[in-house]
Amino acid sequence: MNVYRYIGGKIRQGSDKSSRNDRMGAVSTTIGFVSVALSIAVIIIAICVVLGFRKEIRSKTSAFMGSVALVAPGQPPMNDRYPFTDSISFLGRLDSIPGVAYHQRTAYCAGLLKTSDNIFGVHFKGVDSLYNFSFFQENLTGGAVPQYSGRISSDIMLAQRLARQMGCDVGDQITAYFIDDEVKVRKFTVRGMFDAQLENLDNALVICDIRQVQRLNGWEIDEISAIEIMLDDKTDIDTGHNRVSELVYEESLEEDPALLTTSVKQQFPNLFDWLSLLDFNVVAILLLMIVVAGFNMISSLLIILFRNISSIGLLKAMGMTSSGVSKVFRHIALNIVGKGLVAGTALAVALCAVQKWFKVITLDPENYFVKYVPIEFNVWYILLANVLSLVLIMLILSLTSRFVAGVSPDKTMRAA
């Protein structure tokens, strides 16, 4: 049996009994417990919210451009000037890279959509029958996802906000103008509308048949703008980018087109910088909450120490060292902190679960890119937050050892 834990348990039981007459002990314990519980709850909620934002922003941006893209040197994925052929020797090995889910061809061209009142500049993104439409299917608000197998299709899919600005709906025909050496005019049919809450992309991207884009650009059937590579959710974007770059560098042959890699983080630096700022805020919240909980626990523990000053003197008189007495009261503090961490974690998980499933708290998608506060659970981060909080709070509580060291047995025994 651990003697320090046993004595601490007896002191705690004595405090609980005496609290019927002296409420100070019960109040101090409650303050410490509530402070720790609320602090860890705030920390876990902040972590789950930031992880949720990270997942949502990553999934949205990757769905538009791919997590990683193979592009012509010096060109963005939306390149409509310098195509390359998709006859690449290592193309079949892309999907074997750890973390890569799949890859797909895309081609772009710039165009104008004209209504009776306005002109809208957009990029037409050409995709083929093998393109993964799962993201657009999930965010579909009207119509259906176009089918691009068989004959060349004139069906397009555009953002709901762009459709509203143009005053068109599913099934309507719209006229597009493509200006190069000559003006080309094409009519398209709106087959579907999506809402991804990424305003800059929503209002500037139209999904169409890749063969339409290749014709408009004067390209051959095997010429494209980019190859989008999608990573699975568990793979870090930078890690996946480095792996793809290594394959391109090591496996490229002389007859392969010159290609470089770019990541979605490089294409949307403002969004990912914003996420990095959120990470900094979480760290600040974590440290602030731990400091608040730690000093509230010091206050609670000092009250317990004052109320048991005679017990400290008795233990010292019986030969226990100051460090031994400190261990006794650290066990008392550990009991309060442990219960607070468990209660706070349970509260945070419950609140996050309610938000995740019922979406109680909504947001303005024009400012936050999502309609509601996103939540993402990560058991390891939650456990890490608990362990880190426990360690730091207990380190802060070690300051009370100075008080214990200053207690004189003869004075406390005479006072008792």
Protein backbone atom coordinates (compact mmCIF):
# COMPACT_ATOMS: atom_id res chain seq x y z
CA MET A 1 0.00 0.00 0.00
CA ASN A 2 1.22 3.48 -0.84
CA VAL A 3 1.44 5.26 2.52
CA TYR A 4 1.20 8.72 0.97
CA ARG A 5 -1.97 7.82 -0.90
CA TYR A 6 -3.45 6.22 2.23
CA ILE A 7 -2.79 9.26 4.42
CA GLY A 8 -4.05 11.58 1.66
CA GLY A 9 -7.26 9.54 1.45
CA LYS A 10 -7.80 9.80 5.20
CA ILE A 11 -7.24 13.57 5.16
CA ARG A 12 -9.65 13.91 2.23
CA GLN A 13 -12.29 11.84 4.04
CA GLY A 14 -11.83 13.95 7.15
CA SER A 15 -12.25 17.11 5.09
CA ASP A 16 -15.42 15.76 3.55
CA LYS A 17 -16.90 14.98 6.97
CA SER A 18 -15.94 18.28 8.52
CA SER A 19 -17.38 20.13 5.54
CA ARG A 20 -20.84 19.73 7.06
CA ASN A 21 -19.87 22.30 9.64
CA ASP A 22 -17.09 24.05 7.79
CA ARG A 23 -18.10 24.69 4.19
CA MET A 24 -14.70 26.13 3.26
CA GLY A 25 -13.16 22.75 2.54
CA ALA A 26 -16.03 21.63 0.32
CA VAL A 27 -16.07 24.94 -1.53
CA SER A 28 -12.31 24.87 -2.19
CA THR A 29 -12.51 21.31 -3.51
CA THR A 30 -15.46 22.21 -5.72
CA ILE A 31 -13.68 25.29 -7.11
CA GLY A 32 -10.65 23.18 -8.05
CA PHE A 33 -12.78 20.44 -9.60
CA VAL A 34 -14.95 22.84 -11.63
CA SER A 35 -11.94 24.87 -12.77
CA VAL A 36 -10.14 21.79 -14.10
CA ALA A 37 -13.32 20.39 -15.69
CA LEU A 38 -14.16 23.63 -17.52
CA SER A 39 -10.56 24.17 -18.62
CA ILE A 40 -10.15 20.72 -20.19
CA ALA A 41 -13.62 21.02 -21.75
CA VAL A 42 -12.69 24.29 -23.46
CA ILE A 43 -9.38 22.80 -24.66
CA ILE A 44 -10.99 19.68 -26.14
CA ILE A 45 -13.79 21.65 -27.81
CA ALA A 46 -11.21 24.00 -29.37
CA ILE A 47 -9.18 21.02 -30.65
CA CYS A 48 -12.25 19.31 -32.15
CA VAL A 49 -13.38 22.53 -33.84
CA VAL A 50 -9.96 23.24 -35.39
CA LEU A 51 -9.65 19.63 -36.58
CA GLY A 52 -13.12 19.99 -38.07
CA PHE A 53 -12.16 23.14 -39.95
CA ARG A 54 -8.97 21.46 -41.18
CA LYS A 55 -10.89 18.48 -42.53
CA GLU A 56 -13.59 20.60 -44.21
CA ILE A 57 -11.21 23.09 -45.84
CA ARG A 58 -8.89 20.33 -47.01
CA SER A 59 -11.71 18.24 -48.48
CA LYS A 60 -13.25 21.22 -50.29
CA THR A 61 -10.05 22.59 -51.80
CA SER A 62 -8.74 19.12 -52.71
CA ALA A 63 -12.03 18.29 -54.44
CA PHE A 64 -11.57 21.29 -56.74
CA MET A 65 -7.85 20.98 -57.52
CA GLY A 66 -6.64 17.67 -56.09
CA SER A 67 -4.45 17.30 -53.00
CA VAL A 68 -1.41 17.24 -55.28
CA ALA A 69 -1.26 18.01 -59.00
CA LEU A 70 1.14 17.27 -61.83
CA VAL A 71 1.48 20.40 -63.96
CA ALA A 72 3.60 21.86 -66.74
CA PRO A 73 6.68 23.74 -65.43
CA GLY A 74 5.81 27.22 -64.21
CA GLN A 75 2.06 26.71 -64.75
CA PRO A 76 -0.86 26.41 -62.31
CA PRO A 77 -3.38 23.53 -62.52
CA MET A 78 -5.77 25.91 -64.37
CA ASN A 79 -3.25 26.26 -67.22
CA ASP A 80 -4.93 26.62 -70.62
CA ARG A 81 -1.84 27.60 -72.63
CA TYR A 82 0.77 24.86 -72.24
CA PRO A 83 -0.75 21.36 -72.23
CA PHE A 84 1.11 18.09 -71.85
CA THR A 85 0.20 14.61 -73.02
CA ASP A 86 -1.11 12.02 -70.59
CA SER A 87 1.17 9.35 -72.08
CA ILE A 88 3.41 9.22 -69.02
CA SER A 89 5.49 6.14 -68.22
CA PHE A 90 4.99 6.30 -64.45
CA LEU A 91 1.28 7.22 -64.49
CA GLY A 92 0.18 3.72 -63.48
CA ARG A 93 2.45 3.79 -60.43
CA LEU A 94 0.92 6.94 -58.92
CA ASP A 95 -1.84 4.99 -57.17
CA SER A 96 0.73 2.68 -55.55
CA ILE A 97 2.28 5.58 -53.61
CA PRO A 98 1.38 5.24 -49.89
CA GLY A 99 -1.46 7.62 -49.09
CA VAL A 100 -2.60 8.18 -52.69
CA ALA A 101 -6.26 7.30 -53.23
CA TYR A 102 -6.59 7.92 -56.99
CA HIS A 103 -5.65 10.29 -59.81
CA GLN A 104 -7.67 11.89 -62.63
CA ARG A 105 -7.15 14.02 -65.77
CA THR A 106 -8.38 17.60 -66.09
CA ALA A 107 -8.22 20.34 -68.71
CA TYR A 108 -9.09 24.03 -68.36
CA CYS A 109 -10.05 26.95 -70.54
CA ALA A 110 -11.16 30.49 -69.67
CA GLY A 111 -14.54 31.74 -70.85
CA LEU A 112 -17.32 34.25 -70.37
CA LEU A 113 -20.92 33.53 -69.42
CA LYS A 114 -23.27 36.23 -70.66
CA THR A 115 -26.75 37.12 -69.47
CA SER A 116 -28.92 40.01 -70.57
CA ASP A 117 -27.48 42.19 -67.79
CA ASN A 118 -24.07 40.82 -66.80
CA ILE A 119 -20.96 39.03 -67.98
CA PHE A 120 -19.24 36.50 -65.71
CA GLY A 121 -15.62 35.38 -66.18
CA VAL A 122 -15.19 31.70 -65.34
CA HIS A 123 -12.88 28.76 -65.84
CA PHE A 124 -14.30 25.69 -67.56
CA LYS A 125 -12.90 22.56 -65.93
CA GLY A 126 -13.02 19.62 -68.31
CA VAL A 127 -13.33 16.15 -66.80
CA ASP A 128 -13.90 12.71 -68.29
CA SER A 129 -16.14 9.74 -67.53
CA LEU A 130 -13.65 8.40 -64.94
CA TYR A 131 -13.73 11.57 -62.85
CA ASN A 132 -14.73 11.09 -59.19
CA PHE A 133 -17.85 13.22 -58.61
CA SER A 134 -18.41 12.13 -54.99
CA PHE A 135 -17.71 15.60 -53.53
CA PHE A 136 -20.04 17.33 -55.99
CA GLN A 137 -22.67 14.63 -55.41
CA GLU A 138 -22.56 15.33 -51.65
CA ASN A 139 -22.92 19.08 -52.24
CA LEU A 140 -25.50 18.84 -55.03
CA THR A 141 -28.35 21.33 -54.59
CA GLY A 142 -30.24 20.75 -57.82
CA GLY A 143 -30.30 18.56 -60.90
CA ALA A 144 -27.83 15.73 -61.29
CA VAL A 145 -24.15 15.06 -61.90
CA PRO A 146 -23.41 15.11 -65.67
CA GLN A 147 -22.41 11.96 -67.51
CA TYR A 148 -19.49 12.32 -69.92
CA SER A 149 -19.35 8.89 -71.53
CA GLY A 150 -20.33 8.36 -75.15
CA ARG A 151 -20.77 11.39 -77.39
CA ILE A 152 -19.36 14.80 -76.47
CA SER A 153 -21.74 16.33 -73.94
CA SER A 154 -22.91 19.94 -73.64
CA ASP A 155 -24.07 19.43 -70.05
CA ILE A 156 -22.38 21.50 -67.38
CA MET A 157 -22.48 21.86 -63.62
CA LEU A 158 -21.97 25.18 -61.86
CA ALA A 159 -22.20 26.73 -58.41
CA GLN A 160 -25.64 27.56 -57.04
CA ARG A 161 -24.56 31.12 -56.22
CA LEU A 162 -23.32 31.69 -59.76
CA ALA A 163 -26.58 30.29 -61.15
CA ARG A 164 -28.58 32.67 -58.96
CA GLN A 165 -26.53 35.66 -60.10
CA MET A 166 -27.12 34.64 -63.69
CA GLY A 167 -30.82 33.96 -63.09
CA CYS A 168 -30.68 30.44 -64.52
CA ASP A 169 -31.84 27.06 -63.24
CA VAL A 170 -31.40 23.37 -63.96
CA GLY A 171 -32.35 22.62 -67.54
CA ASP A 172 -31.70 26.14 -68.82
CA GLN A 173 -29.36 26.83 -71.70
CA ILE A 174 -26.60 29.40 -71.30
CA THR A 175 -24.26 30.94 -73.86
CA ALA A 176 -20.50 30.97 -73.32
CA TYR A 177 -17.89 33.00 -75.20
CA PHE A 178 -14.27 31.95 -75.57
CA ILE A 179 -11.91 34.68 -76.74
CA ASP A 180 -8.57 33.82 -78.29
CA ASP A 181 -7.41 34.55 -81.80
CA GLU A 182 -11.09 34.40 -82.63
CA VAL A 183 -14.30 34.45 -80.61
CA LYS A 184 -15.93 31.06 -80.18
CA VAL A 185 -19.52 30.73 -79.01
CA ARG A 186 -20.97 27.62 -77.40
CA LYS A 187 -24.31 26.80 -75.84
CA PHE A 188 -24.42 24.63 -72.73
CA THR A 189 -27.22 23.08 -70.68
CA VAL A 190 -27.18 23.37 -66.89
CA ARG A 191 -27.44 19.77 -65.69
CA GLY A 192 -26.60 20.27 -62.01
CA MET A 193 -25.79 22.85 -59.34
CA PHE A 194 -23.57 22.49 -56.27
CA ASP A 195 -22.84 24.55 -53.17
CA ALA A 196 -19.37 24.07 -51.68
CA GLN A 197 -19.21 27.40 -49.75
CA LEU A 198 -15.88 28.38 -51.30
CA GLU A 199 -16.90 31.67 -52.86
CA ASN A 200 -13.83 32.37 -54.98
CA LEU A 201 -14.03 28.91 -56.56
CA ASP A 202 -17.80 28.57 -56.53
CA ASN A 203 -18.23 31.67 -58.65
CA ALA A 204 -15.38 30.93 -61.04
CA LEU A 205 -15.62 27.25 -61.92
CA VAL A 206 -17.86 25.38 -64.37
CA ILE A 207 -17.62 21.61 -64.74
CA CYS A 208 -17.90 20.35 -68.33
CA ASP A 209 -16.84 17.55 -70.69
CA ILE A 210 -13.05 17.46 -71.11
CA ARG A 211 -13.46 16.98 -74.85
CA GLN A 212 -15.22 20.34 -75.08
CA VAL A 213 -12.23 22.04 -73.47
CA GLN A 214 -9.75 20.22 -75.67
CA ARG A 215 -11.65 21.33 -78.79
CA LEU A 216 -11.91 24.93 -77.60
CA ASN A 217 -8.17 25.05 -76.81
CA GLY A 218 -7.25 23.35 -80.09
CA TRP A 219 -5.63 20.45 -78.22
CA GLU A 220 -5.30 16.79 -79.12
CA ILE A 221 -7.44 14.21 -77.32
CA ASP A 222 -4.50 13.19 -75.09
CA GLU A 223 -3.46 16.73 -74.10
CA ILE A 224 -4.45 18.00 -70.65
CA SER A 225 -3.79 20.81 -68.17
CA ALA A 226 -3.09 18.76 -65.04
CA ILE A 227 -3.30 15.39 -63.36
CA GLU A 228 -5.03 15.68 -60.00
CA ILE A 229 -3.85 13.28 -57.30
CA MET A 230 -6.13 12.72 -54.31
CA LEU A 231 -4.68 11.67 -50.96
CA ASP A 232 -6.57 9.78 -48.29
CA ASP A 233 -7.67 11.64 -45.15
CA LYS A 234 -4.89 10.18 -42.99
CA THR A 235 -2.01 11.34 -45.19
CA ASP A 236 -0.50 14.76 -44.59
CA ILE A 237 -0.58 16.94 -47.72
CA ASP A 238 3.12 17.87 -47.48
CA THR A 239 4.08 14.23 -46.98
CA GLY A 240 2.02 13.13 -49.96
CA HIS A 241 3.43 15.97 -52.06
CA ASN A 242 7.00 14.90 -51.27
CA ARG A 243 6.26 11.26 -52.13
CA VAL A 244 4.76 12.19 -55.50
CA SER A 245 7.69 14.52 -56.24
CA GLU A 246 10.15 11.71 -55.49
CA LEU A 247 8.35 9.37 -57.88
CA VAL A 248 8.32 11.98 -60.66
CA TYR A 249 12.03 12.67 -60.14
CA GLU A 250 13.09 9.02 -59.96
CA GLU A 251 10.79 7.44 -62.57
CA SER A 252 10.60 10.06 -65.34
CA LEU A 253 12.01 8.97 -68.70
CA GLU A 254 13.41 11.13 -71.46
CA GLU A 255 10.29 10.70 -73.60
CA ASP A 256 8.00 11.78 -70.73
CA PRO A 257 6.77 15.40 -70.70
CA ALA A 258 8.52 17.71 -68.26
CA LEU A 259 6.32 17.88 -65.17
CA LEU A 260 6.42 19.48 -61.73
CA THR A 261 4.25 18.91 -58.68
CA THR A 262 2.20 21.41 -56.71
CA SER A 263 0.01 20.94 -53.64
CA VAL A 264 -3.34 22.39 -52.70
CA LYS A 265 -1.59 24.29 -49.90
CA GLN A 266 0.48 26.13 -52.48
CA GLN A 267 -2.61 26.92 -54.56
CA PHE A 268 -4.66 28.21 -51.60
CA PRO A 269 -2.09 29.65 -49.17
CA ASN A 270 -4.57 32.11 -47.63
CA LEU A 271 -6.90 29.33 -46.47
CA PHE A 272 -4.13 27.22 -44.98
CA ASP A 273 -2.51 30.26 -43.35
CA TRP A 274 -5.86 30.89 -41.71
CA LEU A 275 -5.87 27.30 -40.43
CA SER A 276 -2.35 27.81 -39.05
CA LEU A 277 -3.63 30.85 -37.19
CA LEU A 278 -6.36 28.68 -35.68
CA ASP A 279 -3.69 26.22 -34.54
CA PHE A 280 -1.88 29.06 -32.77
CA ASN A 281 -5.14 30.07 -31.09
CA VAL A 282 -5.63 26.51 -29.81
CA VAL A 283 -2.15 26.49 -28.29
CA ALA A 284 -2.86 29.85 -26.63
CA ILE A 285 -6.19 28.56 -25.28
CA LEU A 286 -4.53 25.39 -24.00
CA LEU A 287 -1.82 27.25 -22.10
CA LEU A 288 -4.25 29.87 -20.74
CA MET A 289 -6.76 27.28 -19.54
CA ILE A 290 -4.05 25.16 -17.92
CA VAL A 291 -2.62 28.19 -16.10
CA VAL A 292 -6.09 29.21 -14.89
CA ALA A 293 -6.89 25.68 -13.74
CA GLY A 294 -3.45 25.32 -12.13
CA PHE A 295 -3.67 28.48 -10.05
CA ASN A 296 -7.26 27.76 -9.05
CA MET A 297 -6.04 24.36 -7.92
CA ILE A 298 -3.24 26.07 -5.94
CA SER A 299 -5.86 28.17 -4.17
CA SER A 300 -7.94 25.10 -3.41
CA LEU A 301 -4.93 23.12 -2.20
CA LEU A 302 -3.68 25.96 0.00
CA ILE A 303 -7.07 26.12 1.70
CA ILE A 304 -6.85 22.37 2.31
CA LEU A 305 -3.31 22.82 3.64
CA PHE A 306 -4.35 25.62 6.01
CA ARG A 307 -7.25 23.57 7.31
CA ASN A 308 -4.91 20.62 7.95
CA ILE A 309 -1.95 22.59 9.30
CA SER A 310 -1.98 20.58 12.52
CA SER A 311 -1.94 17.32 10.56
CA ILE A 312 1.14 18.55 8.68
CA GLY A 313 2.86 19.35 11.96
CA LEU A 314 1.94 15.93 13.36
CA LEU A 315 3.29 14.12 10.31
CA LYS A 316 6.55 16.08 10.54
CA ALA A 317 6.80 15.40 14.27
CA MET A 318 6.46 11.67 13.52
CA GLY A 319 9.48 11.92 11.20
CA MET A 320 7.96 12.48 7.76
CA THR A 321 10.03 14.80 5.61
CA SER A 322 8.66 17.91 3.87
CA SER A 323 8.84 16.11 0.51
CA GLY A 324 6.87 13.23 2.00
CA VAL A 325 4.16 15.58 3.29
CA SER A 326 4.08 17.25 -0.13
CA LYS A 327 3.47 13.85 -1.70
CA VAL A 328 0.48 13.33 0.61
CA PHE A 329 -1.16 16.54 -0.54
CA ARG A 330 -0.19 15.94 -4.16
CA HIS A 331 -2.23 12.75 -3.97
CA ILE A 332 -5.16 14.80 -2.70
CA ALA A 333 -4.68 17.26 -5.59
CA LEU A 334 -4.27 14.41 -8.09
CA ASN A 335 -7.64 13.02 -7.02
CA ILE A 336 -9.36 16.39 -7.61
CA VAL A 337 -7.57 17.02 -10.91
CA GLY A 338 -8.25 13.49 -12.16
CA LYS A 339 -11.98 13.76 -11.47
CA GLY A 340 -12.03 17.21 -13.11
CA LEU A 341 -10.32 15.91 -16.24
CA VAL A 342 -12.74 13.00 -16.56
CA ALA A 343 -15.79 15.21 -16.04
CA GLY A 344 -14.52 17.92 -18.39
CA THR A 345 -13.66 15.42 -21.12
CA ALA A 346 -17.11 13.84 -20.86
CA LEU A 347 -18.76 17.26 -21.06
CA ALA A 348 -16.69 18.33 -24.08
CA VAL A 349 -17.29 15.07 -25.97
CA ALA A 350 -21.03 15.31 -25.29
CA LEU A 351 -21.26 18.92 -26.52
CA CYS A 352 -19.13 18.17 -29.60
CA ALA A 353 -21.26 15.12 -30.40
CA VAL A 354 -24.43 17.22 -30.27
CA GLN A 355 -22.87 19.79 -32.64
CA LYS A 356 -21.49 17.11 -34.98
CA TRP A 357 -24.78 15.29 -35.41
CA PHE A 358 -27.36 18.07 -35.01
CA LYS A 359 -25.36 21.11 -36.26
CA VAL A 360 -26.80 23.43 -33.61
CA ILE A 361 -24.32 26.31 -34.10
CA THR A 362 -24.37 27.74 -37.62
CA LEU A 363 -21.89 30.03 -39.39
CA ASP A 364 -21.84 32.41 -42.32
CA PRO A 365 -20.23 30.38 -45.15
CA GLU A 366 -19.01 33.54 -46.88
CA ASN A 367 -16.68 34.18 -43.93
CA TYR A 368 -16.00 30.68 -42.58
CA PHE A 369 -16.44 28.51 -45.74
CA VAL A 370 -18.85 26.20 -43.89
CA LYS A 371 -22.50 26.50 -42.87
CA TYR A 372 -21.97 25.23 -39.33
CA VAL A 373 -19.21 24.75 -36.77
CA PRO A 374 -17.42 21.58 -37.94
CA ILE A 375 -16.36 18.94 -35.44
CA GLU A 376 -13.78 16.21 -35.87
CA PHE A 377 -12.91 13.77 -33.08
CA ASN A 378 -9.39 12.49 -32.61
CA VAL A 379 -8.94 10.19 -29.61
CA TRP A 380 -5.16 10.65 -29.54
CA TYR A 381 -5.37 14.44 -29.43
CA ILE A 382 -7.97 14.25 -26.65
CA LEU A 383 -5.78 11.89 -24.62
CA LEU A 384 -2.74 14.08 -25.27
CA ALA A 385 -4.64 17.16 -24.05
CA ASN A 386 -5.57 15.32 -20.85
CA VAL A 387 -2.04 14.05 -20.20
CA LEU A 388 -0.45 17.43 -20.95
CA SER A 389 -2.97 19.22 -18.73
CA LEU A 390 -2.40 16.78 -15.89
CA VAL A 391 1.38 17.11 -16.08
CA LEU A 392 1.41 20.91 -16.27
CA ILE A 393 -1.18 21.38 -13.52
CA MET A 394 0.73 19.05 -11.21
CA LEU A 395 3.94 20.96 -11.98
CA ILE A 396 2.21 24.21 -11.04
CA LEU A 397 0.95 22.58 -7.83
CA SER A 398 4.53 21.69 -6.88
CA LEU A 399 4.82 25.35 -5.82
CA THR A 400 2.88 24.42 -2.67
CA SER A 401 5.86 22.36 -1.46
CA ARG A 402 7.42 25.65 -0.26
CA PHE A 403 4.49 26.15 2.08
CA VAL A 404 4.86 22.62 3.46
CA ALA A 405 8.60 23.09 3.95
CA GLY A 406 7.96 26.21 6.03
CA VAL A 407 5.63 24.48 8.52
CA SER A 408 7.25 24.08 11.97
CA PRO A 409 6.05 21.00 13.92
CA ASP A 410 6.48 22.55 17.40
CA LYS A 411 4.50 25.69 16.51
CA THR A 412 1.66 23.81 14.84
CA MET A 413 1.43 21.30 17.68
CA ARG A 414 1.28 24.12 20.29
CA ALA A 415 -1.34 25.93 18.13
CA ALA A 416 -3.36 22.75 17.90
